[in-house]
Amino acid sequence: MKRLLNLLVLLALPIFTFAQDVEMADVLHENGKIYVVVGVLAIIFIGLVVYLITIDRRLTKIENEMEPKSTTSASSGKVRFKANIKLDVDESELK
C-alpha cells in the first residue's frame, strides 16, 4: 500500500511543477542574461570534467608505477614477476 501511495505521489509531482510559473527565468530570458547563466554553468561543467580527467590520468599513472612489472618467458609460458625489494638485514642475524 505504501509503495502504491509513493508511486501516485511521484506520478502526480509533474502536475504540481507545471502549475508553477518561474518568474526569474522569464526575467533573465527577457533581459538576455539567461545566456550568461548558461555560459557560466557550461564553463563550470567543463572545468569539472577536465579536473576529473586529469585526476584519472594521474591515478592511472600512479597505479601503473605501483603494479609489479611482469614478463612472460617464451619457453615455459609462465609469467615471472620482478620485484625490487631492499632489506636491511645484518649478516650476523642470518646465522
N, C-alpha and C. Protein backbone atom coordinates (compact mmCIF):
# COMPACT_ATOMS: atom_id res chain seq x y z
N MET A 1 0.82 -1.19 0.00
CA MET A 1 0.00 0.00 0.00
C MET A 1 0.87 1.27 0.00
N LYS A 2 1.95 1.20 0.81
CA LYS A 2 2.83 2.35 0.90
C LYS A 2 3.54 2.60 -0.43
N ARG A 3 3.90 1.53 -1.12
CA ARG A 3 4.55 1.68 -2.43
C ARG A 3 3.60 2.30 -3.44
N LEU A 4 2.35 1.90 -3.39
CA LEU A 4 1.36 2.45 -4.31
C LEU A 4 1.15 3.94 -4.06
N LEU A 5 1.11 4.32 -2.80
CA LEU A 5 0.95 5.73 -2.46
C LEU A 5 2.16 6.54 -2.92
N ASN A 6 3.37 6.00 -2.71
CA ASN A 6 4.58 6.68 -3.17
C ASN A 6 4.59 6.82 -4.69
N LEU A 7 4.15 5.79 -5.39
CA LEU A 7 4.09 5.83 -6.85
C LEU A 7 3.11 6.89 -7.33
N LEU A 8 1.96 6.99 -6.69
CA LEU A 8 0.98 8.00 -7.08
C LEU A 8 1.50 9.42 -6.82
N VAL A 9 2.20 9.60 -5.72
CA VAL A 9 2.77 10.92 -5.43
C VAL A 9 3.82 11.28 -6.47
N LEU A 10 4.67 10.33 -6.82
CA LEU A 10 5.70 10.60 -7.83
C LEU A 10 5.10 10.86 -9.21
N LEU A 11 4.01 10.19 -9.52
CA LEU A 11 3.36 10.43 -10.81
C LEU A 11 2.64 11.77 -10.84
N ALA A 12 2.15 12.22 -9.69
CA ALA A 12 1.42 13.49 -9.62
C ALA A 12 2.36 14.68 -9.47
N LEU A 13 3.61 14.45 -9.14
CA LEU A 13 4.57 15.53 -8.93
C LEU A 13 4.75 16.43 -10.15
N PRO A 14 4.85 15.92 -11.37
CA PRO A 14 4.99 16.82 -12.52
C PRO A 14 3.78 17.73 -12.72
N ILE A 15 2.63 17.30 -12.30
CA ILE A 15 1.43 18.14 -12.45
C ILE A 15 1.58 19.40 -11.60
N PHE A 16 2.11 19.23 -10.39
CA PHE A 16 2.28 20.38 -9.50
C PHE A 16 3.38 21.30 -9.99
N THR A 17 4.41 20.75 -10.59
CA THR A 17 5.51 21.59 -11.06
C THR A 17 5.13 22.38 -12.30
N PHE A 18 4.28 21.84 -13.15
CA PHE A 18 3.85 22.58 -14.33
C PHE A 18 2.92 23.73 -13.98
N ALA A 19 2.28 23.63 -12.85
CA ALA A 19 1.34 24.67 -12.45
C ALA A 19 2.07 25.93 -11.98
N GLN A 20 3.34 25.82 -11.61
CA GLN A 20 4.08 26.96 -11.11
C GLN A 20 4.68 27.76 -12.27
N ASP A 21 4.74 29.06 -12.07
CA ASP A 21 5.35 29.94 -13.07
C ASP A 21 6.67 30.44 -12.50
N VAL A 22 7.74 30.27 -13.25
CA VAL A 22 9.06 30.68 -12.78
C VAL A 22 9.33 32.07 -13.33
N GLU A 23 9.21 33.06 -12.47
CA GLU A 23 9.37 34.44 -12.90
C GLU A 23 10.83 34.79 -13.15
N MET A 24 11.74 34.23 -12.36
CA MET A 24 13.14 34.57 -12.51
C MET A 24 13.66 34.15 -13.88
N ALA A 25 13.28 32.99 -14.34
CA ALA A 25 13.72 32.53 -15.66
C ALA A 25 13.15 33.41 -16.76
N ASP A 26 11.92 33.85 -16.59
CA ASP A 26 11.32 34.73 -17.60
C ASP A 26 12.04 36.07 -17.64
N VAL A 27 12.38 36.63 -16.48
CA VAL A 27 13.07 37.91 -16.43
C VAL A 27 14.46 37.79 -17.04
N LEU A 28 15.17 36.71 -16.70
CA LEU A 28 16.51 36.51 -17.26
C LEU A 28 16.46 36.34 -18.78
N HIS A 29 15.44 35.66 -19.24
CA HIS A 29 15.30 35.45 -20.69
C HIS A 29 14.96 36.76 -21.40
N GLU A 30 14.11 37.56 -20.79
CA GLU A 30 13.74 38.83 -21.41
C GLU A 30 14.93 39.79 -21.49
N ASN A 31 15.77 39.80 -20.48
CA ASN A 31 16.92 40.69 -20.45
C ASN A 31 18.12 40.14 -21.21
N GLY A 32 18.04 38.91 -21.66
CA GLY A 32 19.15 38.30 -22.37
C GLY A 32 20.24 37.78 -21.45
N LYS A 33 20.00 37.77 -20.17
CA LYS A 33 21.00 37.31 -19.22
C LYS A 33 20.99 35.80 -19.04
N ILE A 34 19.99 35.15 -19.59
CA ILE A 34 19.92 33.69 -19.47
C ILE A 34 21.11 33.05 -20.16
N TYR A 35 21.62 33.70 -21.21
CA TYR A 35 22.76 33.16 -21.93
C TYR A 35 24.03 33.26 -21.08
N VAL A 36 24.11 34.28 -20.25
CA VAL A 36 25.24 34.41 -19.33
C VAL A 36 25.19 33.29 -18.30
N VAL A 37 24.02 33.01 -17.79
CA VAL A 37 23.85 31.94 -16.81
C VAL A 37 24.22 30.60 -17.42
N VAL A 38 23.73 30.35 -18.62
CA VAL A 38 24.04 29.09 -19.31
C VAL A 38 25.54 29.01 -19.59
N GLY A 39 26.16 30.10 -19.98
CA GLY A 39 27.60 30.10 -20.24
C GLY A 39 28.42 29.81 -19.00
N VAL A 40 28.05 30.44 -17.90
CA VAL A 40 28.77 30.20 -16.64
C VAL A 40 28.62 28.75 -16.21
N LEU A 41 27.41 28.22 -16.31
CA LEU A 41 27.20 26.81 -15.95
C LEU A 41 28.00 25.88 -16.86
N ALA A 42 28.07 26.21 -18.15
CA ALA A 42 28.84 25.39 -19.09
C ALA A 42 30.33 25.43 -18.74
N ILE A 43 30.84 26.60 -18.39
CA ILE A 43 32.26 26.72 -18.02
C ILE A 43 32.55 25.92 -16.75
N ILE A 44 31.66 25.99 -15.78
CA ILE A 44 31.85 25.22 -14.55
C ILE A 44 31.82 23.73 -14.84
N PHE A 45 30.88 23.29 -15.66
CA PHE A 45 30.78 21.87 -16.01
C PHE A 45 32.02 21.40 -16.76
N ILE A 46 32.48 22.18 -17.72
CA ILE A 46 33.68 21.81 -18.48
C ILE A 46 34.89 21.76 -17.56
N GLY A 47 34.99 22.71 -16.64
CA GLY A 47 36.09 22.69 -15.67
C GLY A 47 36.08 21.45 -14.81
N LEU A 48 34.92 21.04 -14.35
CA LEU A 48 34.83 19.82 -13.55
C LEU A 48 35.21 18.59 -14.35
N VAL A 49 34.79 18.53 -15.60
CA VAL A 49 35.13 17.38 -16.45
C VAL A 49 36.64 17.32 -16.68
N VAL A 50 37.25 18.46 -16.98
CA VAL A 50 38.70 18.49 -17.19
C VAL A 50 39.43 18.09 -15.91
N TYR A 51 38.98 18.57 -14.78
CA TYR A 51 39.59 18.23 -13.49
C TYR A 51 39.50 16.72 -13.24
N LEU A 52 38.35 16.13 -13.51
CA LEU A 52 38.19 14.69 -13.30
C LEU A 52 39.07 13.88 -14.25
N ILE A 53 39.22 14.35 -15.48
CA ILE A 53 40.07 13.65 -16.44
C ILE A 53 41.53 13.70 -16.00
N THR A 54 41.99 14.86 -15.52
CA THR A 54 43.37 14.95 -15.07
C THR A 54 43.62 14.09 -13.83
N ILE A 55 42.67 14.04 -12.92
CA ILE A 55 42.81 13.18 -11.75
C ILE A 55 42.86 11.71 -12.17
N ASP A 56 42.04 11.34 -13.14
CA ASP A 56 42.03 9.96 -13.62
C ASP A 56 43.37 9.60 -14.25
N ARG A 57 43.94 10.50 -15.03
CA ARG A 57 45.25 10.23 -15.66
C ARG A 57 46.35 10.11 -14.61
N ARG A 58 46.34 10.98 -13.61
CA ARG A 58 47.34 10.90 -12.55
C ARG A 58 47.21 9.59 -11.78
N LEU A 59 45.98 9.20 -11.47
CA LEU A 59 45.75 7.97 -10.73
C LEU A 59 46.17 6.76 -11.54
N THR A 60 45.88 6.76 -12.83
CA THR A 60 46.30 5.66 -13.70
C THR A 60 47.82 5.57 -13.75
N LYS A 61 48.49 6.71 -13.82
CA LYS A 61 49.96 6.72 -13.83
C LYS A 61 50.52 6.15 -12.53
N ILE A 62 49.94 6.53 -11.41
CA ILE A 62 50.40 6.01 -10.11
C ILE A 62 50.13 4.51 -10.01
N GLU A 63 48.97 4.06 -10.48
CA GLU A 63 48.66 2.63 -10.45
C GLU A 63 49.64 1.83 -11.30
N ASN A 64 50.00 2.36 -12.47
CA ASN A 64 50.93 1.66 -13.34
C ASN A 64 52.31 1.60 -12.73
N GLU A 65 52.72 2.63 -12.00
CA GLU A 65 54.02 2.62 -11.34
C GLU A 65 54.05 1.64 -10.18
N MET A 66 52.93 1.43 -9.51
CA MET A 66 52.91 0.59 -8.32
C MET A 66 52.74 -0.89 -8.64
N GLU A 67 52.11 -1.25 -9.73
CA GLU A 67 51.90 -2.67 -10.01
C GLU A 67 53.21 -3.29 -10.48
N PRO A 68 53.47 -4.54 -10.08
CA PRO A 68 54.73 -5.18 -10.46
C PRO A 68 54.78 -5.42 -11.97
N LYS A 69 55.98 -5.24 -12.50
CA LYS A 69 56.15 -5.47 -13.94
C LYS A 69 56.27 -6.97 -14.17
N SER A 70 55.53 -7.45 -15.14
CA SER A 70 55.56 -8.89 -15.41
C SER A 70 56.15 -9.13 -16.78
N THR A 71 56.88 -10.23 -16.90
CA THR A 71 57.43 -10.65 -18.18
C THR A 71 57.03 -12.08 -18.41
N THR A 72 56.83 -12.44 -19.64
CA THR A 72 56.44 -13.80 -19.98
C THR A 72 57.63 -14.49 -20.63
N SER A 73 57.97 -15.65 -20.11
CA SER A 73 59.05 -16.43 -20.69
C SER A 73 58.50 -17.17 -21.90
N ALA A 74 59.21 -17.09 -23.01
CA ALA A 74 58.72 -17.68 -24.25
C ALA A 74 58.78 -19.20 -24.20
N SER A 75 59.74 -19.75 -23.49
CA SER A 75 59.90 -21.21 -23.49
C SER A 75 58.89 -21.89 -22.57
N SER A 76 58.63 -21.33 -21.42
CA SER A 76 57.76 -22.01 -20.47
C SER A 76 56.33 -21.48 -20.47
N GLY A 77 56.13 -20.26 -20.95
CA GLY A 77 54.80 -19.68 -20.96
C GLY A 77 54.36 -19.18 -19.60
N LYS A 78 55.27 -19.20 -18.62
CA LYS A 78 54.94 -18.76 -17.27
C LYS A 78 55.20 -17.26 -17.16
N VAL A 79 54.48 -16.65 -16.27
CA VAL A 79 54.66 -15.23 -16.02
C VAL A 79 55.56 -15.08 -14.81
N ARG A 80 56.61 -14.30 -14.95
CA ARG A 80 57.53 -14.04 -13.86
C ARG A 80 57.38 -12.60 -13.43
N PHE A 81 57.34 -12.40 -12.13
CA PHE A 81 57.20 -11.05 -11.58
C PHE A 81 58.55 -10.59 -11.06
N LYS A 82 58.89 -9.38 -11.39
CA LYS A 82 60.11 -8.79 -10.88
C LYS A 82 59.73 -7.82 -9.78
N ALA A 83 60.36 -7.99 -8.64
CA ALA A 83 60.08 -7.09 -7.51
C ALA A 83 61.39 -6.51 -7.02
N ASN A 84 61.42 -5.24 -6.84
CA ASN A 84 62.60 -4.58 -6.30
C ASN A 84 62.38 -4.37 -4.80
N ILE A 85 62.94 -5.30 -4.02
CA ILE A 85 62.78 -5.25 -2.57
C ILE A 85 64.15 -5.11 -1.94
N LYS A 86 64.30 -4.12 -1.11
CA LYS A 86 65.56 -3.92 -0.40
C LYS A 86 65.32 -4.21 1.08
N LEU A 87 66.13 -5.12 1.62
CA LEU A 87 66.00 -5.49 3.02
C LEU A 87 67.25 -5.02 3.76
N ASP A 88 67.06 -4.42 4.89
CA ASP A 88 68.18 -4.01 5.74
C ASP A 88 68.36 -5.06 6.83
N VAL A 89 69.18 -6.06 6.55
CA VAL A 89 69.41 -7.16 7.48
C VAL A 89 70.91 -7.34 7.63
N ASP A 90 71.35 -7.47 8.87
CA ASP A 90 72.76 -7.76 9.11
C ASP A 90 73.02 -9.22 8.81
N GLU A 91 74.22 -9.50 8.32
CA GLU A 91 74.58 -10.89 8.02
C GLU A 91 74.68 -11.72 9.29
N SER A 92 74.98 -11.09 10.41
CA SER A 92 75.08 -11.81 11.66
C SER A 92 73.72 -12.34 12.13
N GLU A 93 72.63 -11.68 11.74
CA GLU A 93 71.29 -12.13 12.12
C GLU A 93 70.87 -13.35 11.32
N LEU A 94 71.45 -13.57 10.17
CA LEU A 94 71.07 -14.70 9.32
C LEU A 94 71.69 -16.01 9.80
N LYS A 95 72.77 -15.97 10.58
CA LYS A 95 73.45 -17.19 11.02
C LYS A 95 72.81 -17.80 12.22
